[in-house]
Amino acid sequence: MSGAASGAVSGADCPAARRLLADALARTYAGWERLRGDDPYDHTRRELCAAFACTGRRHHGGRGLLAPLPPLERLVLVLCVYEGVAHEVAAAQLGLPVERVRVLSGRAVAALRARRQEAA
């Protein structure tokens, strides 16, 4: 597991994250011959995003800074800010229009800024 991936799932309270990552890696490995020169990291990220988007609909509550955000806003924020993925690439991976990804990202950042100002 890469440093970023292992650091992202090293907490004691995230067995669901470990399971999602393991499933995404397993699906990438199972389809390795079909990648045909595609970047395995990008393929795994697409698998992970798709799996998280499905489970995110069932997510209730949580802790941390991103917990109050809706699942899709959290996903877009992590992809675009934490992972540094361009809006266009994130849109393609999520199957959304680019403008929708930009709106979700902007809304998530605005919500986090507002929350930060409330705390100050």
PDB file of N, CA and C in Angstrom:
ATOM      1  N   MET A   1       0.853  -1.171   0.000  1.00  0.00           N
ATOM      2  CA  MET A   1       0.000   0.000   0.000  1.00  0.00           C
ATOM      3  C   MET A   1       0.897   1.230   0.000  1.00  0.00           C
ATOM      4  N   SER A   2       0.557   2.242  -0.769  1.00  0.00           N
ATOM      5  CA  SER A   2       1.375   3.450  -0.822  1.00  0.00           C
ATOM      6  C   SER A   2       1.293   4.203   0.495  1.00  0.00           C
ATOM      7  N   GLY A   3       2.226   5.134   0.695  1.00  0.00           N
ATOM      8  CA  GLY A   3       2.242   5.912   1.931  1.00  0.00           C
ATOM      9  C   GLY A   3       0.964   6.693   2.127  1.00  0.00           C
ATOM     10  N   ALA A   4       0.470   7.316   1.056  1.00  0.00           N
ATOM     11  CA  ALA A   4      -0.759   8.103   1.169  1.00  0.00           C
ATOM     12  C   ALA A   4      -1.946   7.208   1.486  1.00  0.00           C
ATOM     13  N   ALA A   5      -2.007   6.053   0.816  1.00  0.00           N
ATOM     14  CA  ALA A   5      -3.135   5.156   1.039  1.00  0.00           C
ATOM     15  C   ALA A   5      -3.096   4.565   2.437  1.00  0.00           C
ATOM     16  N   SER A   6      -1.910   4.133   2.884  1.00  0.00           N
ATOM     17  CA  SER A   6      -1.846   3.540   4.214  1.00  0.00           C
ATOM     18  C   SER A   6      -2.073   4.586   5.289  1.00  0.00           C
ATOM     19  N   GLY A   7      -1.625   5.816   5.061  1.00  0.00           N
ATOM     20  CA  GLY A   7      -1.870   6.881   6.026  1.00  0.00           C
ATOM     21  C   GLY A   7      -3.331   7.247   6.091  1.00  0.00           C
ATOM     22  N   ALA A   8      -4.031   7.122   4.973  1.00  0.00           N
ATOM     23  CA  ALA A   8      -5.442   7.485   4.936  1.00  0.00           C
ATOM     24  C   ALA A   8      -6.302   6.474   5.681  1.00  0.00           C
ATOM     25  N   VAL A   9      -5.828   5.242   5.812  1.00  0.00           N
ATOM     26  CA  VAL A   9      -6.643   4.217   6.452  1.00  0.00           C
ATOM     27  C   VAL A   9      -5.992   3.671   7.715  1.00  0.00           C
ATOM     28  N   SER A  10      -5.095   4.424   8.328  1.00  0.00           N
ATOM     29  CA  SER A  10      -4.388   3.900   9.489  1.00  0.00           C
ATOM     30  C   SER A  10      -5.143   4.094  10.796  1.00  0.00           C
ATOM     31  N   GLY A  11      -6.207   4.880  10.809  1.00  0.00           N
ATOM     32  CA  GLY A  11      -6.944   5.122  12.047  1.00  0.00           C
ATOM     33  C   GLY A  11      -7.642   3.875  12.543  1.00  0.00           C
ATOM     34  N   ALA A  12      -7.868   3.831  13.849  1.00  0.00           N
ATOM     35  CA  ALA A  12      -8.478   2.649  14.452  1.00  0.00           C
ATOM     36  C   ALA A  12      -9.978   2.580  14.187  1.00  0.00           C
ATOM     37  N   ASP A  13     -10.593   3.681  13.806  1.00  0.00           N
ATOM     38  CA  ASP A  13     -12.045   3.714  13.670  1.00  0.00           C
ATOM     39  C   ASP A  13     -12.507   3.714  12.218  1.00  0.00           C
ATOM     40  N   CYS A  14     -11.725   3.151  11.307  1.00  0.00           N
ATOM     41  CA  CYS A  14     -12.140   3.206   9.904  1.00  0.00           C
ATOM     42  C   CYS A  14     -12.054   1.844   9.216  1.00  0.00           C
ATOM     43  N   PRO A  15     -12.673   0.808   9.766  1.00  0.00           N
ATOM     44  CA  PRO A  15     -12.654  -0.473   9.063  1.00  0.00           C
ATOM     45  C   PRO A  15     -13.399  -0.407   7.732  1.00  0.00           C
ATOM     46  N   ALA A  16     -14.386   0.455   7.635  1.00  0.00           N
ATOM     47  CA  ALA A  16     -15.114   0.583   6.370  1.00  0.00           C
ATOM     48  C   ALA A  16     -14.206   1.140   5.284  1.00  0.00           C
ATOM     49  N   ALA A  17     -13.338   2.093   5.636  1.00  0.00           N
ATOM     50  CA  ALA A  17     -12.402   2.651   4.656  1.00  0.00           C
ATOM     51  C   ALA A  17     -11.411   1.589   4.205  1.00  0.00           C
ATOM     52  N   ARG A  18     -10.929   0.797   5.139  1.00  0.00           N
ATOM     53  CA  ARG A  18     -10.004  -0.286   4.783  1.00  0.00           C
ATOM     54  C   ARG A  18     -10.680  -1.274   3.840  1.00  0.00           C
ATOM     55  N   ARG A  19     -11.934  -1.588   4.132  1.00  0.00           N
ATOM     56  CA  ARG A  19     -12.677  -2.537   3.304  1.00  0.00           C
ATOM     57  C   ARG A  19     -12.884  -1.980   1.896  1.00  0.00           C
ATOM     58  N   LEU A  20     -13.250  -0.691   1.793  1.00  0.00           N
ATOM     59  CA  LEU A  20     -13.430  -0.071   0.478  1.00  0.00           C
ATOM     60  C   LEU A  20     -12.130  -0.090  -0.316  1.00  0.00           C
ATOM     61  N   LEU A  21     -11.020   0.268   0.334  1.00  0.00           N
ATOM     62  CA  LEU A  21      -9.734   0.287  -0.355  1.00  0.00           C
ATOM     63  C   LEU A  21      -9.320  -1.115  -0.780  1.00  0.00           C
ATOM     64  N   ALA A  22      -9.483  -2.088   0.106  1.00  0.00           N
ATOM     65  CA  ALA A  22      -9.119  -3.467  -0.231  1.00  0.00           C
ATOM     66  C   ALA A  22      -9.956  -3.980  -1.400  1.00  0.00           C
ATOM     67  N   ASP A  23     -11.242  -3.671  -1.406  1.00  0.00           N
ATOM     68  CA  ASP A  23     -12.111  -4.089  -2.510  1.00  0.00           C
ATOM     69  C   ASP A  23     -11.690  -3.438  -3.821  1.00  0.00           C
ATOM     70  N   ALA A  24     -11.366  -2.135  -3.775  1.00  0.00           N
ATOM     71  CA  ALA A  24     -10.939  -1.433  -4.988  1.00  0.00           C
ATOM     72  C   ALA A  24      -9.631  -2.008  -5.514  1.00  0.00           C
ATOM     73  N   LEU A  25      -8.693  -2.276  -4.620  1.00  0.00           N
ATOM     74  CA  LEU A  25      -7.423  -2.876  -5.041  1.00  0.00           C
ATOM     75  C   LEU A  25      -7.639  -4.274  -5.610  1.00  0.00           C
ATOM     76  N   ALA A  26      -8.535  -5.038  -5.000  1.00  0.00           N
ATOM     77  CA  ALA A  26      -8.816  -6.386  -5.494  1.00  0.00           C
ATOM     78  C   ALA A  26      -9.446  -6.344  -6.881  1.00  0.00           C
ATOM     79  N   ARG A  27     -10.370  -5.407  -7.105  1.00  0.00           N
ATOM     80  CA  ARG A  27     -10.989  -5.293  -8.426  1.00  0.00           C
ATOM     81  C   ARG A  27      -9.969  -4.858  -9.478  1.00  0.00           C
ATOM     82  N   THR A  28      -9.050  -3.977  -9.096  1.00  0.00           N
ATOM     83  CA  THR A  28      -8.000  -3.570 -10.028  1.00  0.00           C
ATOM     84  C   THR A  28      -7.109  -4.758 -10.359  1.00  0.00           C
ATOM     85  N   TYR A  29      -6.721  -5.517  -9.356  1.00  0.00           N
ATOM     86  CA  TYR A  29      -5.865  -6.682  -9.574  1.00  0.00           C
ATOM     87  C   TYR A  29      -6.574  -7.719 -10.443  1.00  0.00           C
ATOM     88  N   ALA A  30      -7.852  -7.947 -10.174  1.00  0.00           N
ATOM     89  CA  ALA A  30      -8.607  -8.943 -10.938  1.00  0.00           C
ATOM     90  C   ALA A  30      -8.728  -8.553 -12.410  1.00  0.00           C
ATOM     91  N   GLY A  31      -8.776  -7.267 -12.682  1.00  0.00           N
ATOM     92  CA  GLY A  31      -8.901  -6.807 -14.064  1.00  0.00           C
ATOM     93  C   GLY A  31      -7.605  -6.282 -14.649  1.00  0.00           C
ATOM     94  N   TRP A  32      -6.480  -6.703 -14.081  1.00  0.00           N
ATOM     95  CA  TRP A  32      -5.172  -6.174 -14.473  1.00  0.00           C
ATOM     96  C   TRP A  32      -4.911  -6.302 -15.971  1.00  0.00           C
ATOM     97  N   GLU A  33      -5.270  -7.435 -16.564  1.00  0.00           N
ATOM     98  CA  GLU A  33      -5.000  -7.658 -17.985  1.00  0.00           C
ATOM     99  C   GLU A  33      -5.855  -6.765 -18.877  1.00  0.00           C
ATOM    100  N   ARG A  34      -6.965  -6.280 -18.361  1.00  0.00           N
ATOM    101  CA  ARG A  34      -7.842  -5.405 -19.150  1.00  0.00           C
ATOM    102  C   ARG A  34      -7.412  -3.947 -19.097  1.00  0.00           C
ATOM    103  N   LEU A  35      -6.447  -3.607 -18.250  1.00  0.00           N
ATOM    104  CA  LEU A  35      -6.032  -2.208 -18.122  1.00  0.00           C
ATOM    105  C   LEU A  35      -5.387  -1.687 -19.398  1.00  0.00           C
ATOM    106  N   ARG A  36      -4.635  -2.531 -20.113  1.00  0.00           N
ATOM    107  CA  ARG A  36      -4.038  -2.183 -21.409  1.00  0.00           C
ATOM    108  C   ARG A  36      -3.351  -0.825 -21.407  1.00  0.00           C
ATOM    109  N   GLY A  37      -2.414  -0.647 -20.512  1.00  0.00           N
ATOM    110  CA  GLY A  37      -1.652   0.594 -20.484  1.00  0.00           C
ATOM    111  C   GLY A  37      -2.273   1.702 -19.653  1.00  0.00           C
ATOM    112  N   ASP A  38      -3.482   1.512 -19.162  1.00  0.00           N
ATOM    113  CA  ASP A  38      -4.079   2.520 -18.283  1.00  0.00           C
ATOM    114  C   ASP A  38      -3.307   2.563 -16.971  1.00  0.00           C
ATOM    115  N   ASP A  39      -3.367   3.687 -16.313  1.00  0.00           N
ATOM    116  CA  ASP A  39      -2.690   3.848 -15.033  1.00  0.00           C
ATOM    117  C   ASP A  39      -3.454   3.078 -13.958  1.00  0.00           C
ATOM    118  N   PRO A  40      -2.822   2.107 -13.302  1.00  0.00           N
ATOM    119  CA  PRO A  40      -3.527   1.336 -12.273  1.00  0.00           C
ATOM    120  C   PRO A  40      -3.990   2.203 -11.101  1.00  0.00           C
ATOM    121  N   TYR A  41      -3.230   3.257 -10.795  1.00  0.00           N
ATOM    122  CA  TYR A  41      -3.625   4.157  -9.706  1.00  0.00           C
ATOM    123  C   TYR A  41      -4.941   4.848 -10.049  1.00  0.00           C
ATOM    124  N   ASP A  42      -5.055   5.360 -11.284  1.00  0.00           N
ATOM    125  CA  ASP A  42      -6.303   6.007 -11.703  1.00  0.00           C
ATOM    126  C   ASP A  42      -7.465   5.016 -11.701  1.00  0.00           C
ATOM    127  N   HIS A  43      -7.203   3.809 -12.173  1.00  0.00           N
ATOM    128  CA  HIS A  43      -8.256   2.793 -12.198  1.00  0.00           C
ATOM    129  C   HIS A  43      -8.722   2.465 -10.780  1.00  0.00           C
ATOM    130  N   THR A  44      -7.776   2.314  -9.862  1.00  0.00           N
ATOM    131  CA  THR A  44      -8.129   2.016  -8.472  1.00  0.00           C
ATOM    132  C   THR A  44      -8.899   3.170  -7.851  1.00  0.00           C
ATOM    133  N   ARG A  45      -8.495   4.395  -8.167  1.00  0.00           N
ATOM    134  CA  ARG A  45      -9.203   5.561  -7.629  1.00  0.00           C
ATOM    135  C   ARG A  45     -10.637   5.597  -8.149  1.00  0.00           C
ATOM    136  N   ARG A  46     -10.838   5.279  -9.440  1.00  0.00           N
ATOM    137  CA  ARG A  46     -12.203   5.234  -9.990  1.00  0.00           C
ATOM    138  C   ARG A  46     -13.036   4.180  -9.263  1.00  0.00           C
ATOM    139  N   GLU A  47     -12.440   3.009  -9.051  1.00  0.00           N
ATOM    140  CA  GLU A  47     -13.141   1.942  -8.326  1.00  0.00           C
ATOM    141  C   GLU A  47     -13.494   2.394  -6.907  1.00  0.00           C
ATOM    142  N   LEU A  48     -12.541   3.034  -6.250  1.00  0.00           N
ATOM    143  CA  LEU A  48     -12.753   3.498  -4.878  1.00  0.00           C
ATOM    144  C   LEU A  48     -13.834   4.576  -4.822  1.00  0.00           C
ATOM    145  N   CYS A  49     -13.805   5.498  -5.781  1.00  0.00           N
ATOM    146  CA  CYS A  49     -14.825   6.560  -5.832  1.00  0.00           C
ATOM    147  C   CYS A  49     -16.213   5.978  -6.051  1.00  0.00           C
ATOM    148  N   ALA A  50     -16.307   5.036  -6.978  1.00  0.00           N
ATOM    149  CA  ALA A  50     -17.606   4.427  -7.255  1.00  0.00           C
ATOM    150  C   ALA A  50     -18.130   3.684  -6.028  1.00  0.00           C
ATOM    151  N   ALA A  51     -17.248   2.960  -5.362  1.00  0.00           N
ATOM    152  CA  ALA A  51     -17.670   2.218  -4.167  1.00  0.00           C
ATOM    153  C   ALA A  51     -18.078   3.171  -3.053  1.00  0.00           C
ATOM    154  N   PHE A  52     -17.305   4.245  -2.861  1.00  0.00           N
ATOM    155  CA  PHE A  52     -17.641   5.199  -1.806  1.00  0.00           C
ATOM    156  C   PHE A  52     -18.945   5.922  -2.118  1.00  0.00           C
ATOM    157  N   ALA A  53     -19.149   6.276  -3.382  1.00  0.00           N
ATOM    158  CA  ALA A  53     -20.383   6.975  -3.755  1.00  0.00           C
ATOM    159  C   ALA A  53     -21.601   6.113  -3.438  1.00  0.00           C
ATOM    160  N   CYS A  54     -21.491   4.815  -3.640  1.00  0.00           N
ATOM    161  CA  CYS A  54     -22.611   3.916  -3.329  1.00  0.00           C
ATOM    162  C   CYS A  54     -22.818   3.783  -1.829  1.00  0.00           C
ATOM    163  N   THR A  55     -21.733   3.626  -1.073  1.00  0.00           N
ATOM    164  CA  THR A  55     -21.877   3.470   0.374  1.00  0.00           C
ATOM    165  C   THR A  55     -22.176   4.797   1.038  1.00  0.00           C
ATOM    166  N   GLY A  56     -21.766   5.891   0.423  1.00  0.00           N
ATOM    167  CA  GLY A  56     -21.990   7.206   1.004  1.00  0.00           C
ATOM    168  C   GLY A  56     -23.455   7.549   1.144  1.00  0.00           C
ATOM    169  N   ARG A  57     -24.275   6.965   0.303  1.00  0.00           N
ATOM    170  CA  ARG A  57     -25.715   7.232   0.401  1.00  0.00           C
ATOM    171  C   ARG A  57     -26.292   6.678   1.698  1.00  0.00           C
ATOM    172  N   ARG A  58     -25.632   5.655   2.234  1.00  0.00           N
ATOM    173  CA  ARG A  58     -26.109   5.040   3.476  1.00  0.00           C
ATOM    174  C   ARG A  58     -25.405   5.609   4.697  1.00  0.00           C
ATOM    175  N   HIS A  59     -24.483   6.533   4.501  1.00  0.00           N
ATOM    176  CA  HIS A  59     -23.682   7.063   5.603  1.00  0.00           C
ATOM    177  C   HIS A  59     -24.524   7.970   6.488  1.00  0.00           C
ATOM    178  N   HIS A  60     -24.451   7.729   7.756  1.00  0.00           N
ATOM    179  CA  HIS A  60     -25.174   8.557   8.717  1.00  0.00           C
ATOM    180  C   HIS A  60     -24.190   9.083   9.744  1.00  0.00           C
ATOM    181  N   GLY A  61     -24.143  10.386   9.869  1.00  0.00           N
ATOM    182  CA  GLY A  61     -23.305  10.985  10.900  1.00  0.00           C
ATOM    183  C   GLY A  61     -21.828  10.822  10.633  1.00  0.00           C
ATOM    184  N   GLY A  62     -21.085  10.690  11.689  1.00  0.00           N
ATOM    185  CA  GLY A  62     -19.647  10.572  11.584  1.00  0.00           C
ATOM    186  C   GLY A  62     -18.996  11.666  12.392  1.00  0.00           C
ATOM    187  N   ARG A  63     -17.684  11.632  12.407  1.00  0.00           N
ATOM    188  CA  ARG A  63     -16.939  12.626  13.159  1.00  0.00           C
ATOM    189  C   ARG A  63     -15.957  13.296  12.225  1.00  0.00           C
ATOM    190  N   GLY A  64     -15.413  14.389  12.696  1.00  0.00           N
ATOM    191  CA  GLY A  64     -14.374  15.057  11.938  1.00  0.00           C
ATOM    192  C   GLY A  64     -14.890  16.260  11.187  1.00  0.00           C
ATOM    193  N   LEU A  65     -13.964  16.919  10.552  1.00  0.00           N
ATOM    194  CA  LEU A  65     -14.249  18.166   9.859  1.00  0.00           C
ATOM    195  C   LEU A  65     -15.199  17.979   8.678  1.00  0.00           C
ATOM    196  N   LEU A  66     -15.070  16.866   7.968  1.00  0.00           N
ATOM    197  CA  LEU A  66     -15.883  16.647   6.773  1.00  0.00           C
ATOM    198  C   LEU A  66     -17.221  15.971   7.060  1.00  0.00           C
ATOM    199  N   ALA A  67     -17.454  15.551   8.283  1.00  0.00           N
ATOM    200  CA  ALA A  67     -18.661  14.796   8.623  1.00  0.00           C
ATOM    201  C   ALA A  67     -19.967  15.506   8.267  1.00  0.00           C
ATOM    202  N   PRO A  68     -20.084  16.838   8.461  1.00  0.00           N
ATOM    203  CA  PRO A  68     -21.365  17.471   8.136  1.00  0.00           C
ATOM    204  C   PRO A  68     -21.652  17.590   6.635  1.00  0.00           C
ATOM    205  N   LEU A  69     -20.644  17.374   5.810  1.00  0.00           N
ATOM    206  CA  LEU A  69     -20.845  17.506   4.364  1.00  0.00           C
ATOM    207  C   LEU A  69     -21.576  16.286   3.814  1.00  0.00           C
ATOM    208  N   PRO A  70     -22.400  16.482   2.796  1.00  0.00           N
ATOM    209  CA  PRO A  70     -23.018  15.338   2.124  1.00  0.00           C
ATOM    210  C   PRO A  70     -21.931  14.464   1.481  1.00  0.00           C
ATOM    211  N   PRO A  71     -22.194  13.178   1.304  1.00  0.00           N
ATOM    212  CA  PRO A  71     -21.172  12.261   0.791  1.00  0.00           C
ATOM    213  C   PRO A  71     -20.542  12.684  -0.538  1.00  0.00           C
ATOM    214  N   LEU A  72     -21.345  13.168  -1.473  1.00  0.00           N
ATOM    215  CA  LEU A  72     -20.784  13.544  -2.770  1.00  0.00           C
ATOM    216  C   LEU A  72     -19.883  14.767  -2.654  1.00  0.00           C
ATOM    217  N   GLU A  73     -20.251  15.722  -1.807  1.00  0.00           N
ATOM    218  CA  GLU A  73     -19.386  16.883  -1.587  1.00  0.00           C
ATOM    219  C   GLU A  73     -18.079  16.461  -0.935  1.00  0.00           C
ATOM    220  N   ARG A  74     -18.152  15.537   0.024  1.00  0.00           N
ATOM    221  CA  ARG A  74     -16.931  15.018   0.655  1.00  0.00           C
ATOM    222  C   ARG A  74     -16.035  14.364  -0.378  1.00  0.00           C
ATOM    223  N   LEU A  75     -16.624  13.549  -1.232  1.00  0.00           N
ATOM    224  CA  LEU A  75     -15.862  12.832  -2.247  1.00  0.00           C
ATOM    225  C   LEU A  75     -15.184  13.799  -3.209  1.00  0.00           C
ATOM    226  N   VAL A  76     -15.911  14.785  -3.693  1.00  0.00           N
ATOM    227  CA  VAL A  76     -15.341  15.772  -4.612  1.00  0.00           C
ATOM    228  C   VAL A  76     -14.246  16.566  -3.920  1.00  0.00           C
ATOM    229  N   LEU A  77     -14.463  16.951  -2.684  1.00  0.00           N
ATOM    230  CA  LEU A  77     -13.462  17.718  -1.944  1.00  0.00           C
ATOM    231  C   LEU A  77     -12.177  16.917  -1.756  1.00  0.00           C
ATOM    232  N   VAL A  78     -12.302  15.669  -1.393  1.00  0.00           N
ATOM    233  CA  VAL A  78     -11.108  14.838  -1.207  1.00  0.00           C
ATOM    234  C   VAL A  78     -10.385  14.641  -2.532  1.00  0.00           C
ATOM    235  N   LEU A  79     -11.126  14.381  -3.600  1.00  0.00           N
ATOM    236  CA  LEU A  79     -10.484  14.194  -4.903  1.00  0.00           C
ATOM    237  C   LEU A  79      -9.770  15.456  -5.366  1.00  0.00           C
ATOM    238  N   CYS A  80     -10.466  16.582  -5.309  1.00  0.00           N
ATOM    239  CA  CYS A  80      -9.927  17.814  -5.893  1.00  0.00           C
ATOM    240  C   CYS A  80      -8.914  18.512  -4.999  1.00  0.00           C
ATOM    241  N   VAL A  81      -9.119  18.494  -3.696  1.00  0.00           N
ATOM    242  CA  VAL A  81      -8.221  19.223  -2.799  1.00  0.00           C
ATOM    243  C   VAL A  81      -7.122  18.306  -2.266  1.00  0.00           C
ATOM    244  N   TYR A  82      -7.504  17.198  -1.659  1.00  0.00           N
ATOM    245  CA  TYR A  82      -6.518  16.319  -1.035  1.00  0.00           C
ATOM    246  C   TYR A  82      -5.684  15.574  -2.075  1.00  0.00           C
ATOM    247  N   GLU A  83      -6.353  14.983  -3.068  1.00  0.00           N
ATOM    248  CA  GLU A  83      -5.652  14.220  -4.091  1.00  0.00           C
ATOM    249  C   GLU A  83      -5.082  15.106  -5.194  1.00  0.00           C
ATOM    250  N   GLY A  84      -5.586  16.329  -5.333  1.00  0.00           N
ATOM    251  CA  GLY A  84      -5.091  17.228  -6.367  1.00  0.00           C
ATOM    252  C   GLY A  84      -5.553  16.871  -7.771  1.00  0.00           C
ATOM    253  N   VAL A  85      -6.688  16.210  -7.869  1.00  0.00           N
ATOM    254  CA  VAL A  85      -7.231  15.815  -9.165  1.00  0.00           C
ATOM    255  C   VAL A  85      -7.958  17.013  -9.777  1.00  0.00           C
ATOM    256  N   ALA A  86      -7.748  17.257 -11.048  1.00  0.00           N
ATOM    257  CA  ALA A  86      -8.425  18.356 -11.742  1.00  0.00           C
ATOM    258  C   ALA A  86      -9.932  18.098 -11.771  1.00  0.00           C
ATOM    259  N   HIS A  87     -10.699  19.184 -11.813  1.00  0.00           N
ATOM    260  CA  HIS A  87     -12.163  19.051 -11.841  1.00  0.00           C
ATOM    261  C   HIS A  87     -12.620  18.203 -13.022  1.00  0.00           C
ATOM    262  N   GLU A  88     -11.961  18.366 -14.156  1.00  0.00           N
ATOM    263  CA  GLU A  88     -12.342  17.614 -15.352  1.00  0.00           C
ATOM    264  C   GLU A  88     -12.142  16.111 -15.148  1.00  0.00           C
ATOM    265  N   VAL A  89     -11.019  15.754 -14.531  1.00  0.00           N
ATOM    266  CA  VAL A  89     -10.724  14.339 -14.280  1.00  0.00           C
ATOM    267  C   VAL A  89     -11.688  13.776 -13.240  1.00  0.00           C
ATOM    268  N   ALA A  90     -11.941  14.540 -12.188  1.00  0.00           N
ATOM    269  CA  ALA A  90     -12.886  14.098 -11.160  1.00  0.00           C
ATOM    270  C   ALA A  90     -14.276  13.905 -11.763  1.00  0.00           C
ATOM    271  N   ALA A  91     -14.673  14.813 -12.631  1.00  0.00           N
ATOM    272  CA  ALA A  91     -15.982  14.696 -13.280  1.00  0.00           C
ATOM    273  C   ALA A  91     -16.064  13.421 -14.109  1.00  0.00           C
ATOM    274  N   ALA A  92     -14.999  13.129 -14.846  1.00  0.00           N
ATOM    275  CA  ALA A  92     -14.986  11.912 -15.659  1.00  0.00           C
ATOM    276  C   ALA A  92     -15.036  10.666 -14.779  1.00  0.00           C
ATOM    277  N   GLN A  93     -14.311  10.677 -13.674  1.00  0.00           N
ATOM    278  CA  GLN A  93     -14.293   9.519 -12.786  1.00  0.00           C
ATOM    279  C   GLN A  93     -15.636   9.298 -12.103  1.00  0.00           C
ATOM    280  N   LEU A  94     -16.332  10.380 -11.812  1.00  0.00           N
ATOM    281  CA  LEU A  94     -17.612  10.269 -11.115  1.00  0.00           C
ATOM    282  C   LEU A  94     -18.808  10.209 -12.056  1.00  0.00           C
ATOM    283  N   GLY A  95     -18.570  10.450 -13.340  1.00  0.00           N
ATOM    284  CA  GLY A  95     -19.670  10.442 -14.299  1.00  0.00           C
ATOM    285  C   GLY A  95     -20.587  11.640 -14.157  1.00  0.00           C
ATOM    286  N   LEU A  96     -20.010  12.782 -13.775  1.00  0.00           N
ATOM    287  CA  LEU A  96     -20.775  14.014 -13.586  1.00  0.00           C
ATOM    288  C   LEU A  96     -20.277  15.077 -14.552  1.00  0.00           C
ATOM    289  N   PRO A  97     -21.108  16.074 -14.856  1.00  0.00           N
ATOM    290  CA  PRO A  97     -20.621  17.203 -15.647  1.00  0.00           C
ATOM    291  C   PRO A  97     -19.565  17.984 -14.858  1.00  0.00           C
ATOM    292  N   VAL A  98     -18.623  18.579 -15.572  1.00  0.00           N
ATOM    293  CA  VAL A  98     -17.540  19.326 -14.934  1.00  0.00           C
ATOM    294  C   VAL A  98     -18.098  20.459 -14.084  1.00  0.00           C
ATOM    295  N   GLU A  99     -19.104  21.147 -14.579  1.00  0.00           N
ATOM    296  CA  GLU A  99     -19.674  22.265 -13.825  1.00  0.00           C
ATOM    297  C   GLU A  99     -20.281  21.791 -12.503  1.00  0.00           C
ATOM    298  N   ARG A 100     -20.882  20.622 -12.508  1.00  0.00           N
ATOM    299  CA  ARG A 100     -21.453  20.063 -11.267  1.00  0.00           C
ATOM    300  C   ARG A 100     -20.348  19.801 -10.241  1.00  0.00           C
ATOM    301  N   VAL A 101     -19.211  19.290 -10.693  1.00  0.00           N
ATOM    302  CA  VAL A 101     -18.081  19.042  -9.790  1.00  0.00           C
ATOM    303  C   VAL A 101     -17.564  20.359  -9.232  1.00  0.00           C
ATOM    304  N   ARG A 102     -17.488  21.382 -10.074  1.00  0.00           N
ATOM    305  CA  ARG A 102     -17.040  22.702  -9.603  1.00  0.00           C
ATOM    306  C   ARG A 102     -18.001  23.262  -8.549  1.00  0.00           C
ATOM    307  N   VAL A 103     -19.286  23.112  -8.783  1.00  0.00           N
ATOM    308  CA  VAL A 103     -20.286  23.606  -7.831  1.00  0.00           C
ATOM    309  C   VAL A 103     -20.181  22.844  -6.510  1.00  0.00           C
ATOM    310  N   LEU A 104     -20.076  21.519  -6.585  1.00  0.00           N
ATOM    311  CA  LEU A 104     -19.957  20.712  -5.365  1.00  0.00           C
ATOM    312  C   LEU A 104     -18.697  21.073  -4.586  1.00  0.00           C
ATOM    313  N   SER A 105     -17.597  21.269  -5.292  1.00  0.00           N
ATOM    314  CA  SER A 105     -16.343  21.642  -4.641  1.00  0.00           C
ATOM    315  C   SER A 105     -16.460  23.007  -3.976  1.00  0.00           C
ATOM    316  N   GLY A 106     -17.018  23.967  -4.689  1.00  0.00           N
ATOM    317  CA  GLY A 106     -17.194  25.306  -4.133  1.00  0.00           C
ATOM    318  C   GLY A 106     -18.119  25.318  -2.936  1.00  0.00           C
ATOM    319  N   ARG A 107     -19.193  24.542  -3.012  1.00  0.00           N
ATOM    320  CA  ARG A 107     -20.142  24.467  -1.903  1.00  0.00           C
ATOM    321  C   ARG A 107     -19.484  23.843  -0.671  1.00  0.00           C
ATOM    322  N   ALA A 108     -18.687  22.810  -0.881  1.00  0.00           N
ATOM    323  CA  ALA A 108     -18.014  22.150   0.240  1.00  0.00           C
ATOM    324  C   ALA A 108     -16.996  23.074   0.891  1.00  0.00           C
ATOM    325  N   VAL A 109     -16.215  23.773   0.079  1.00  0.00           N
ATOM    326  CA  VAL A 109     -15.221  24.705   0.622  1.00  0.00           C
ATOM    327  C   VAL A 109     -15.917  25.829   1.382  1.00  0.00           C
ATOM    328  N   ALA A 110     -17.010  26.349   0.837  1.00  0.00           N
ATOM    329  CA  ALA A 110     -17.749  27.420   1.512  1.00  0.00           C
ATOM    330  C   ALA A 110     -18.311  26.937   2.851  1.00  0.00           C
ATOM    331  N   ALA A 111     -18.819  25.719   2.886  1.00  0.00           N
ATOM    332  CA  ALA A 111     -19.356  25.175   4.136  1.00  0.00           C
ATOM    333  C   ALA A 111     -18.257  25.013   5.179  1.00  0.00           C
ATOM    334  N   LEU A 112     -17.085  24.562   4.749  1.00  0.00           N
ATOM    335  CA  LEU A 112     -15.970  24.409   5.692  1.00  0.00           C
ATOM    336  C   LEU A 112     -15.479  25.756   6.196  1.00  0.00           C
ATOM    337  N   ARG A 113     -15.438  26.751   5.312  1.00  0.00           N
ATOM    338  CA  ARG A 113     -15.029  28.096   5.740  1.00  0.00           C
ATOM    339  C   ARG A 113     -16.032  28.677   6.735  1.00  0.00           C
ATOM    340  N   ALA A 114     -17.314  28.489   6.467  1.00  0.00           N
ATOM    341  CA  ALA A 114     -18.342  28.995   7.381  1.00  0.00           C
ATOM    342  C   ALA A 114     -18.234  28.309   8.740  1.00  0.00           C
ATOM    343  N   ARG A 115     -17.977  27.031   8.718  1.00  0.00           N
ATOM    344  CA  ARG A 115     -17.829  26.296   9.977  1.00  0.00           C
ATOM    345  C   ARG A 115     -16.603  26.774  10.747  1.00  0.00           C
ATOM    346  N   ARG A 116     -15.553  27.079  10.020  1.00  0.00           N
ATOM    347  CA  ARG A 116     -14.332  27.582  10.660  1.00  0.00           C
ATOM    348  C   ARG A 116     -14.576  28.947  11.296  1.00  0.00           C
ATOM    349  N   GLN A 117     -15.335  29.808  10.603  1.00  0.00           N
ATOM    350  CA  GLN A 117     -15.635  31.135  11.147  1.00  0.00           C
ATOM    351  C   GLN A 117     -16.531  31.032  12.378  1.00  0.00           C
ATOM    352  N   GLU A 118     -17.451  30.073  12.381  1.00  0.00           N
ATOM    353  CA  GLU A 118     -18.315  29.867  13.550  1.00  0.00           C
ATOM    354  C   GLU A 118     -17.497  29.439  14.761  1.00  0.00           C
ATOM    355  N   ALA A 119     -16.488  28.630  14.518  1.00  0.00           N
ATOM    356  CA  ALA A 119     -15.654  28.129  15.614  1.00  0.00           C
ATOM    357  C   ALA A 119     -14.735  29.211  16.169  1.00  0.00           C
ATOM    358  N   ALA A 120     -14.407  30.209  15.342  1.00  0.00           N
ATOM    359  CA  ALA A 120     -13.469  31.261  15.782  1.00  0.00           C
ATOM    360  C   ALA A 120     -14.120  32.313  16.632  1.00  0.00           C
TER     361      ALA A 120
END
